[in-house]
């Protein structure tokens, strides 16, 4: 299985994603510079990592969406290939129209770097297929523009189509204003596209994927991807 991690100018979580996919999971993991015009042969999943692509000028992800590699990324998704956007990668996917909604400044206008709790809302994505609906994970966040917004009429569509993947909750899995660190609409922390092959989330699972870092809840997401794509590959064969 091959993970391709796109590196933009200003990415700072690319090595973390490569380490978890390659060093912890033991899968093939390669870095792809943003100026490339094609993905490596055999790519199973593309990860757009966290960071500050292009210095977050204009809007977070607004410039990165025009990088040459994004044409190949969009083609990969259109063909049913898997994409995972983490933090800045989530912002890029929204800017590119690959995911619904937008990411705004945090409601309190402050940068938040802390652990949060996420409740699994959908298990139809590769990143959550091996998890349980309602399961609560502890994952770190680090962002200033993580306030997910979507109009009320489109929020209903997300609910109906099972596109809300994660919500911010308390450790007990309850939604509250105190557990929503950025003011996101309906406490949404991650969403997918209609087909479920493109997913983005603001928290950083790659930062809590080894016991030495304080826990392995983030590794559950990466393991789910590996298991899901391995199962899909077996069916195709």
C-alpha atoms as a PDB file:
ATOM      1  CA  UNK A   1       0.000   0.000   0.000  1.00  0.00           C
ATOM      2  CA  UNK A   2       1.326   3.420  -0.902  1.00  0.00           C
ATOM      3  CA  UNK A   3       0.728   6.696   0.931  1.00  0.00           C
ATOM      4  CA  UNK A   4       1.653   9.835  -1.021  1.00  0.00           C
ATOM      5  CA  UNK A   5       2.079  12.921   1.162  1.00  0.00           C
ATOM      6  CA  UNK A   6       1.994  16.229  -0.716  1.00  0.00           C
ATOM      7  CA  UNK A   7       4.491  18.850   0.453  1.00  0.00           C
ATOM      8  CA  UNK A   8       3.647  22.523  -0.103  1.00  0.00           C
ATOM      9  CA  UNK A   9       5.869  25.501   0.765  1.00  0.00           C
ATOM     10  CA  UNK A  10       5.026  25.986   4.444  1.00  0.00           C
ATOM     11  CA  UNK A  11       3.877  22.414   5.176  1.00  0.00           C
ATOM     12  CA  UNK A  12       5.161  21.426   8.604  1.00  0.00           C
ATOM     13  CA  UNK A  13       3.400  18.143   9.347  1.00  0.00           C
ATOM     14  CA  UNK A  14       4.450  16.270   6.214  1.00  0.00           C
ATOM     15  CA  UNK A  15       7.278  14.400   7.962  1.00  0.00           C
ATOM     16  CA  UNK A  16       4.923  13.451  10.785  1.00  0.00           C
ATOM     17  CA  UNK A  17       2.467  11.890   8.328  1.00  0.00           C
ATOM     18  CA  UNK A  18       5.285  10.125   6.471  1.00  0.00           C
ATOM     19  CA  UNK A  19       6.669   8.775   9.750  1.00  0.00           C
ATOM     20  CA  UNK A  20       3.332   7.364  10.913  1.00  0.00           C
ATOM     21  CA  UNK A  21       2.460   5.811   7.547  1.00  0.00           C
ATOM     22  CA  UNK A  22       5.950   4.460   6.878  1.00  0.00           C
ATOM     23  CA  UNK A  23       7.714   4.126  10.224  1.00  0.00           C
ATOM     24  CA  UNK A  24       4.796   3.149  12.466  1.00  0.00           C
ATOM     25  CA  UNK A  25       2.402   1.361  10.105  1.00  0.00           C
ATOM     26  CA  UNK A  26       5.200  -0.042   7.969  1.00  0.00           C
ATOM     27  CA  UNK A  27       3.536   0.905   4.683  1.00  0.00           C
ATOM     28  CA  UNK A  28       5.211   2.557   1.705  1.00  0.00           C
ATOM     29  CA  UNK A  29       5.129   6.317   2.170  1.00  0.00           C
ATOM     30  CA  UNK A  30       6.555   8.906  -0.218  1.00  0.00           C
ATOM     31  CA  UNK A  31       6.738  12.700  -0.271  1.00  0.00           C
ATOM     32  CA  UNK A  32       5.419  14.512  -3.353  1.00  0.00           C
ATOM     33  CA  UNK A  33       6.582  18.089  -4.016  1.00  0.00           C
ATOM     34  CA  UNK A  34       3.758  20.479  -4.900  1.00  0.00           C
ATOM     35  CA  UNK A  35       5.280  21.323  -8.289  1.00  0.00           C
ATOM     36  CA  UNK A  36       5.011  17.762  -9.543  1.00  0.00           C
ATOM     37  CA  UNK A  37       2.273  17.231 -12.110  1.00  0.00           C
ATOM     38  CA  UNK A  38       1.522  13.586 -11.381  1.00  0.00           C
ATOM     39  CA  UNK A  39       1.248  11.294  -8.389  1.00  0.00           C
ATOM     40  CA  UNK A  40       3.658   8.373  -7.928  1.00  0.00           C
ATOM     41  CA  UNK A  41       2.518   5.186  -9.652  1.00  0.00           C
ATOM     42  CA  UNK A  42       0.528   2.920  -7.382  1.00  0.00           C
ATOM     43  CA  UNK A  43      -0.651   5.651  -5.013  1.00  0.00           C
ATOM     44  CA  UNK A  44      -3.512   4.344  -2.884  1.00  0.00           C
ATOM     45  CA  UNK A  45      -4.141   7.380  -0.712  1.00  0.00           C
ATOM     46  CA  UNK A  46      -3.028  11.000  -0.907  1.00  0.00           C
ATOM     47  CA  UNK A  47      -2.515  12.966   2.294  1.00  0.00           C
ATOM     48  CA  UNK A  48      -2.542  16.760   2.304  1.00  0.00           C
ATOM     49  CA  UNK A  49      -0.768  17.525   5.591  1.00  0.00           C
ATOM     50  CA  UNK A  50      -1.018  20.299   8.119  1.00  0.00           C
ATOM     51  CA  UNK A  51       1.023  23.472   8.146  1.00  0.00           C
ATOM     52  CA  UNK A  52       0.832  26.943   6.643  1.00  0.00           C
ATOM     53  CA  UNK A  53       0.940  26.398   2.875  1.00  0.00           C
ATOM     54  CA  UNK A  54       2.196  29.538   1.129  1.00  0.00           C
ATOM     55  CA  UNK A  55       2.217  31.293   4.492  1.00  0.00           C
ATOM     56  CA  UNK A  56      -1.609  31.166   4.657  1.00  0.00           C
ATOM     57  CA  UNK A  57      -1.723  34.301   2.498  1.00  0.00           C
ATOM     58  CA  UNK A  58      -5.149  35.382   1.162  1.00  0.00           C
ATOM     59  CA  UNK A  59      -6.957  32.524   2.959  1.00  0.00           C
ATOM     60  CA  UNK A  60      -5.653  29.258   4.348  1.00  0.00           C
ATOM     61  CA  UNK A  61      -5.304  26.890   1.393  1.00  0.00           C
ATOM     62  CA  UNK A  62      -6.401  29.459  -1.187  1.00  0.00           C
ATOM     63  CA  UNK A  63      -3.065  29.491  -3.026  1.00  0.00           C
ATOM     64  CA  UNK A  64      -2.172  25.836  -2.503  1.00  0.00           C
ATOM     65  CA  UNK A  65      -5.289  24.759  -4.392  1.00  0.00           C
ATOM     66  CA  UNK A  66      -3.613  26.089  -7.575  1.00  0.00           C
ATOM     67  CA  UNK A  67      -0.382  24.099  -7.144  1.00  0.00           C
ATOM     68  CA  UNK A  68       0.397  21.886 -10.180  1.00  0.00           C
ATOM     69  CA  UNK A  69       0.009  18.670  -8.152  1.00  0.00           C
ATOM     70  CA  UNK A  70      -3.602  19.521  -7.331  1.00  0.00           C
ATOM     71  CA  UNK A  71      -4.740  18.624 -10.847  1.00  0.00           C
ATOM     72  CA  UNK A  72      -3.467  15.097 -10.267  1.00  0.00           C
ATOM     73  CA  UNK A  73      -4.999  15.071  -6.774  1.00  0.00           C
ATOM     74  CA  UNK A  74      -8.393  16.045  -8.172  1.00  0.00           C
ATOM     75  CA  UNK A  75      -8.095  13.404 -10.888  1.00  0.00           C
ATOM     76  CA  UNK A  76      -7.221  10.813  -8.244  1.00  0.00           C
ATOM     77  CA  UNK A  77     -10.358  11.708  -6.281  1.00  0.00           C
ATOM     78  CA  UNK A  78     -12.580  11.769  -9.374  1.00  0.00           C
ATOM     79  CA  UNK A  79     -11.452   8.217 -10.131  1.00  0.00           C
ATOM     80  CA  UNK A  80     -12.469   7.039  -6.666  1.00  0.00           C
ATOM     81  CA  UNK A  81      -9.007   7.380  -5.102  1.00  0.00           C
ATOM     82  CA  UNK A  82      -8.736   8.262  -1.429  1.00  0.00           C
ATOM     83  CA  UNK A  83      -7.747  11.683  -0.095  1.00  0.00           C
ATOM     84  CA  UNK A  84      -7.169  12.732   3.497  1.00  0.00           C
ATOM     85  CA  UNK A  85      -6.704  16.380   4.405  1.00  0.00           C
ATOM     86  CA  UNK A  86      -5.386  17.173   7.882  1.00  0.00           C
ATOM     87  CA  UNK A  87      -5.754  20.728   9.267  1.00  0.00           C
ATOM     88  CA  UNK A  88      -4.282  22.886   6.474  1.00  0.00           C
ATOM     89  CA  UNK A  89      -4.945  19.945   4.149  1.00  0.00           C
ATOM     90  CA  UNK A  90      -8.640  20.121   5.132  1.00  0.00           C
ATOM     91  CA  UNK A  91      -8.615  23.831   4.331  1.00  0.00           C
ATOM     92  CA  UNK A  92      -7.057  23.116   0.913  1.00  0.00           C
ATOM     93  CA  UNK A  93      -9.674  20.466   0.102  1.00  0.00           C
ATOM     94  CA  UNK A  94     -12.464  22.927   0.928  1.00  0.00           C
ATOM     95  CA  UNK A  95     -10.844  25.693  -1.130  1.00  0.00           C
ATOM     96  CA  UNK A  96     -10.480  23.282  -4.057  1.00  0.00           C
ATOM     97  CA  UNK A  97     -14.174  22.349  -3.898  1.00  0.00           C
ATOM     98  CA  UNK A  98     -13.376  18.734  -3.045  1.00  0.00           C
ATOM     99  CA  UNK A  99     -15.178  19.054   0.286  1.00  0.00           C
ATOM    100  CA  UNK A 100     -18.208  21.167   1.238  1.00  0.00           C
ATOM    101  CA  UNK A 101     -18.030  24.158   3.555  1.00  0.00           C
ATOM    102  CA  UNK A 102     -15.260  26.570   4.494  1.00  0.00           C
ATOM    103  CA  UNK A 103     -12.886  27.108   7.433  1.00  0.00           C
ATOM    104  CA  UNK A 104     -13.074  30.511   9.121  1.00  0.00           C
ATOM    105  CA  UNK A 105     -11.111  32.170  11.906  1.00  0.00           C
ATOM    106  CA  UNK A 106     -11.700  30.582  15.301  1.00  0.00           C
ATOM    107  CA  UNK A 107     -14.703  32.188  16.947  1.00  0.00           C
ATOM    108  CA  UNK A 108     -12.594  33.662  19.759  1.00  0.00           C
ATOM    109  CA  UNK A 109      -9.924  34.845  17.263  1.00  0.00           C
ATOM    110  CA  UNK A 110      -7.258  32.884  19.129  1.00  0.00           C
ATOM    111  CA  UNK A 111      -4.907  30.150  17.990  1.00  0.00           C
ATOM    112  CA  UNK A 112      -5.692  26.900  19.815  1.00  0.00           C
ATOM    113  CA  UNK A 113      -3.091  24.217  20.521  1.00  0.00           C
ATOM    114  CA  UNK A 114      -4.550  21.559  22.798  1.00  0.00           C
ATOM    115  CA  UNK A 115      -5.976  18.060  22.982  1.00  0.00           C
ATOM    116  CA  UNK A 116      -9.660  17.721  22.092  1.00  0.00           C
ATOM    117  CA  UNK A 117     -12.142  14.857  22.028  1.00  0.00           C
ATOM    118  CA  UNK A 118     -13.754  13.706  18.794  1.00  0.00           C
ATOM    119  CA  UNK A 119     -16.839  11.542  18.457  1.00  0.00           C
ATOM    120  CA  UNK A 120     -17.012   9.272  15.441  1.00  0.00           C
ATOM    121  CA  UNK A 121     -20.203  10.168  13.562  1.00  0.00           C
ATOM    122  CA  UNK A 122     -19.764   8.062  10.412  1.00  0.00           C
ATOM    123  CA  UNK A 123     -17.898   4.858   9.616  1.00  0.00           C
ATOM    124  CA  UNK A 124     -18.296   4.941   5.846  1.00  0.00           C
ATOM    125  CA  UNK A 125     -14.879   6.527   5.214  1.00  0.00           C
ATOM    126  CA  UNK A 126     -11.604   4.607   5.051  1.00  0.00           C
ATOM    127  CA  UNK A 127     -10.357   6.615   8.036  1.00  0.00           C
ATOM    128  CA  UNK A 128     -13.228   5.483  10.267  1.00  0.00           C
ATOM    129  CA  UNK A 129     -14.371   2.134   8.826  1.00  0.00           C
ATOM    130  CA  UNK A 130     -12.451   0.228  11.507  1.00  0.00           C
ATOM    131  CA  UNK A 131     -13.809   2.445  14.304  1.00  0.00           C
ATOM    132  CA  UNK A 132     -17.164   2.358  16.089  1.00  0.00           C
ATOM    133  CA  UNK A 133     -19.843   4.973  15.569  1.00  0.00           C
ATOM    134  CA  UNK A 134     -20.003   6.951  18.799  1.00  0.00           C
ATOM    135  CA  UNK A 135     -16.413   6.086  19.753  1.00  0.00           C
ATOM    136  CA  UNK A 136     -14.548   9.017  21.318  1.00  0.00           C
ATOM    137  CA  UNK A 137     -10.918   9.751  20.439  1.00  0.00           C
ATOM    138  CA  UNK A 138      -8.446  12.173  22.018  1.00  0.00           C
ATOM    139  CA  UNK A 139      -6.552  14.050  19.294  1.00  0.00           C
ATOM    140  CA  UNK A 140      -4.520  17.308  19.323  1.00  0.00           C
ATOM    141  CA  UNK A 141      -5.450  20.455  17.430  1.00  0.00           C
ATOM    142  CA  UNK A 142      -3.235  23.395  16.431  1.00  0.00           C
ATOM    143  CA  UNK A 143      -4.997  26.024  14.332  1.00  0.00           C
ATOM    144  CA  UNK A 144      -6.246  29.556  14.137  1.00  0.00           C
ATOM    145  CA  UNK A 145      -8.684  28.997  11.267  1.00  0.00           C
ATOM    146  CA  UNK A 146     -10.559  25.838  12.216  1.00  0.00           C
ATOM    147  CA  UNK A 147     -14.073  27.226  12.512  1.00  0.00           C
ATOM    148  CA  UNK A 148     -15.974  25.000  10.068  1.00  0.00           C
ATOM    149  CA  UNK A 149     -18.925  26.810   8.513  1.00  0.00           C
ATOM    150  CA  UNK A 150     -21.683  25.576   6.267  1.00  0.00           C
ATOM    151  CA  UNK A 151     -25.097  27.209   5.678  1.00  0.00           C
ATOM    152  CA  UNK A 152     -28.078  25.658   7.493  1.00  0.00           C
ATOM    153  CA  UNK A 153     -29.667  24.383   4.287  1.00  0.00           C
ATOM    154  CA  UNK A 154     -26.475  22.508   3.385  1.00  0.00           C
ATOM    155  CA  UNK A 155     -25.928  21.238   6.920  1.00  0.00           C
ATOM    156  CA  UNK A 156     -29.122  19.224   6.540  1.00  0.00           C
ATOM    157  CA  UNK A 157     -27.705  17.671   3.381  1.00  0.00           C
ATOM    158  CA  UNK A 158     -24.522  16.667   5.195  1.00  0.00           C
ATOM    159  CA  UNK A 159     -26.587  15.016   7.915  1.00  0.00           C
ATOM    160  CA  UNK A 160     -28.808  13.204   5.443  1.00  0.00           C
ATOM    161  CA  UNK A 161     -25.893  11.931   3.356  1.00  0.00           C
ATOM    162  CA  UNK A 162     -23.835  10.831   6.387  1.00  0.00           C
ATOM    163  CA  UNK A 163     -20.996  13.200   5.483  1.00  0.00           C
ATOM    164  CA  UNK A 164     -20.250  14.430   9.003  1.00  0.00           C
ATOM    165  CA  UNK A 165     -17.368  12.213  10.114  1.00  0.00           C
ATOM    166  CA  UNK A 166     -16.263  13.729  13.448  1.00  0.00           C
ATOM    167  CA  UNK A 167     -17.696  16.145  16.002  1.00  0.00           C
ATOM    168  CA  UNK A 168     -15.990  17.893  18.913  1.00  0.00           C
ATOM    169  CA  UNK A 169     -17.335  16.575  22.222  1.00  0.00           C
ATOM    170  CA  UNK A 170     -16.472  16.134  25.856  1.00  0.00           C
ATOM    171  CA  UNK A 171     -14.542  13.062  26.909  1.00  0.00           C
ATOM    172  CA  UNK A 172     -17.907  11.448  27.600  1.00  0.00           C
ATOM    173  CA  UNK A 173     -19.054  12.101  24.032  1.00  0.00           C
ATOM    174  CA  UNK A 174     -21.399  14.981  24.822  1.00  0.00           C
ATOM    175  CA  UNK A 175     -21.629  18.098  22.660  1.00  0.00           C
ATOM    176  CA  UNK A 176     -21.178  21.380  24.514  1.00  0.00           C
ATOM    177  CA  UNK A 177     -20.026  24.888  23.734  1.00  0.00           C
ATOM    178  CA  UNK A 178     -16.996  24.360  25.965  1.00  0.00           C
ATOM    179  CA  UNK A 179     -15.895  21.296  23.988  1.00  0.00           C
ATOM    180  CA  UNK A 180     -16.132  23.107  20.628  1.00  0.00           C
ATOM    181  CA  UNK A 181     -12.782  24.944  20.579  1.00  0.00           C
ATOM    182  CA  UNK A 182     -13.284  27.009  17.441  1.00  0.00           C
ATOM    183  CA  UNK A 183     -17.039  27.567  17.186  1.00  0.00           C
ATOM    184  CA  UNK A 184     -17.568  25.173  14.277  1.00  0.00           C
ATOM    185  CA  UNK A 185     -21.096  24.766  12.940  1.00  0.00           C
ATOM    186  CA  UNK A 186     -22.783  21.878  14.753  1.00  0.00           C
ATOM    187  CA  UNK A 187     -19.403  21.116  16.436  1.00  0.00           C
ATOM    188  CA  UNK A 188     -18.143  19.582  13.177  1.00  0.00           C
ATOM    189  CA  UNK A 189     -14.476  18.533  13.222  1.00  0.00           C
ATOM    190  CA  UNK A 190     -14.351  16.506  10.002  1.00  0.00           C
ATOM    191  CA  UNK A 191     -16.430  15.850   6.894  1.00  0.00           C
ATOM    192  CA  UNK A 192     -16.345  13.723   3.759  1.00  0.00           C
ATOM    193  CA  UNK A 193     -17.532  14.171   0.201  1.00  0.00           C
ATOM    194  CA  UNK A 194     -20.699  12.430  -0.968  1.00  0.00           C
ATOM    195  CA  UNK A 195     -18.855   9.314  -2.108  1.00  0.00           C
ATOM    196  CA  UNK A 196     -16.857   9.014   1.112  1.00  0.00           C
ATOM    197  CA  UNK A 197     -13.457   8.775  -0.587  1.00  0.00           C
ATOM    198  CA  UNK A 198     -12.371  12.332   0.300  1.00  0.00           C
ATOM    199  CA  UNK A 199     -12.185  13.306   3.958  1.00  0.00           C
ATOM    200  CA  UNK A 200     -10.824  16.251   5.905  1.00  0.00           C
ATOM    201  CA  UNK A 201     -10.457  16.970   9.607  1.00  0.00           C
ATOM    202  CA  UNK A 202      -8.886  19.783  11.600  1.00  0.00           C
ATOM    203  CA  UNK A 203      -7.302  17.711  14.429  1.00  0.00           C
ATOM    204  CA  UNK A 204      -3.898  16.046  13.923  1.00  0.00           C
ATOM    205  CA  UNK A 205      -4.052  12.230  14.283  1.00  0.00           C
ATOM    206  CA  UNK A 206      -0.396  11.957  13.226  1.00  0.00           C
ATOM    207  CA  UNK A 207       0.628  13.815  16.387  1.00  0.00           C
ATOM    208  CA  UNK A 208      -0.812  11.195  18.740  1.00  0.00           C
ATOM    209  CA  UNK A 209       0.096   7.906  17.100  1.00  0.00           C
ATOM    210  CA  UNK A 210       2.784   6.547  19.447  1.00  0.00           C
ATOM    211  CA  UNK A 211       2.851   5.883  23.180  1.00  0.00           C
ATOM    212  CA  UNK A 212       5.997   7.991  23.442  1.00  0.00           C
ATOM    213  CA  UNK A 213       3.875  10.976  22.401  1.00  0.00           C
ATOM    214  CA  UNK A 214       1.216  10.310  25.028  1.00  0.00           C
ATOM    215  CA  UNK A 215      -1.285   8.060  23.266  1.00  0.00           C
ATOM    216  CA  UNK A 216      -2.282   6.202  20.128  1.00  0.00           C
ATOM    217  CA  UNK A 217      -5.816   7.372  19.352  1.00  0.00           C
ATOM    218  CA  UNK A 218      -4.534   9.032  16.187  1.00  0.00           C
ATOM    219  CA  UNK A 219      -3.001   5.768  15.025  1.00  0.00           C
ATOM    220  CA  UNK A 220      -6.486   4.233  15.019  1.00  0.00           C
ATOM    221  CA  UNK A 221      -7.336   6.509  12.084  1.00  0.00           C
ATOM    222  CA  UNK A 222      -4.228   5.547  10.120  1.00  0.00           C
ATOM    223  CA  UNK A 223      -4.761   1.852  10.864  1.00  0.00           C
ATOM    224  CA  UNK A 224      -8.348   2.131   9.691  1.00  0.00           C
ATOM    225  CA  UNK A 225      -7.112   3.560   6.391  1.00  0.00           C
ATOM    226  CA  UNK A 226      -4.598   0.751   5.960  1.00  0.00           C
ATOM    227  CA  UNK A 227      -7.146  -1.962   6.769  1.00  0.00           C
ATOM    228  CA  UNK A 228      -9.854  -0.427   4.571  1.00  0.00           C
ATOM    229  CA  UNK A 229      -7.620   0.028   1.537  1.00  0.00           C
ATOM    230  CA  UNK A 230      -6.119  -3.431   1.954  1.00  0.00           C
ATOM    231  CA  UNK A 231      -9.628  -4.912   1.993  1.00  0.00           C
ATOM    232  CA  UNK A 232     -10.593  -2.908  -1.076  1.00  0.00           C
ATOM    233  CA  UNK A 233      -7.453  -4.065  -2.889  1.00  0.00           C
ATOM    234  CA  UNK A 234      -8.211  -7.689  -2.054  1.00  0.00           C
ATOM    235  CA  UNK A 235     -11.732  -7.342  -3.459  1.00  0.00           C
ATOM    236  CA  UNK A 236     -10.432  -5.726  -6.658  1.00  0.00           C
ATOM    237  CA  UNK A 237      -7.946  -8.549  -7.134  1.00  0.00           C
END
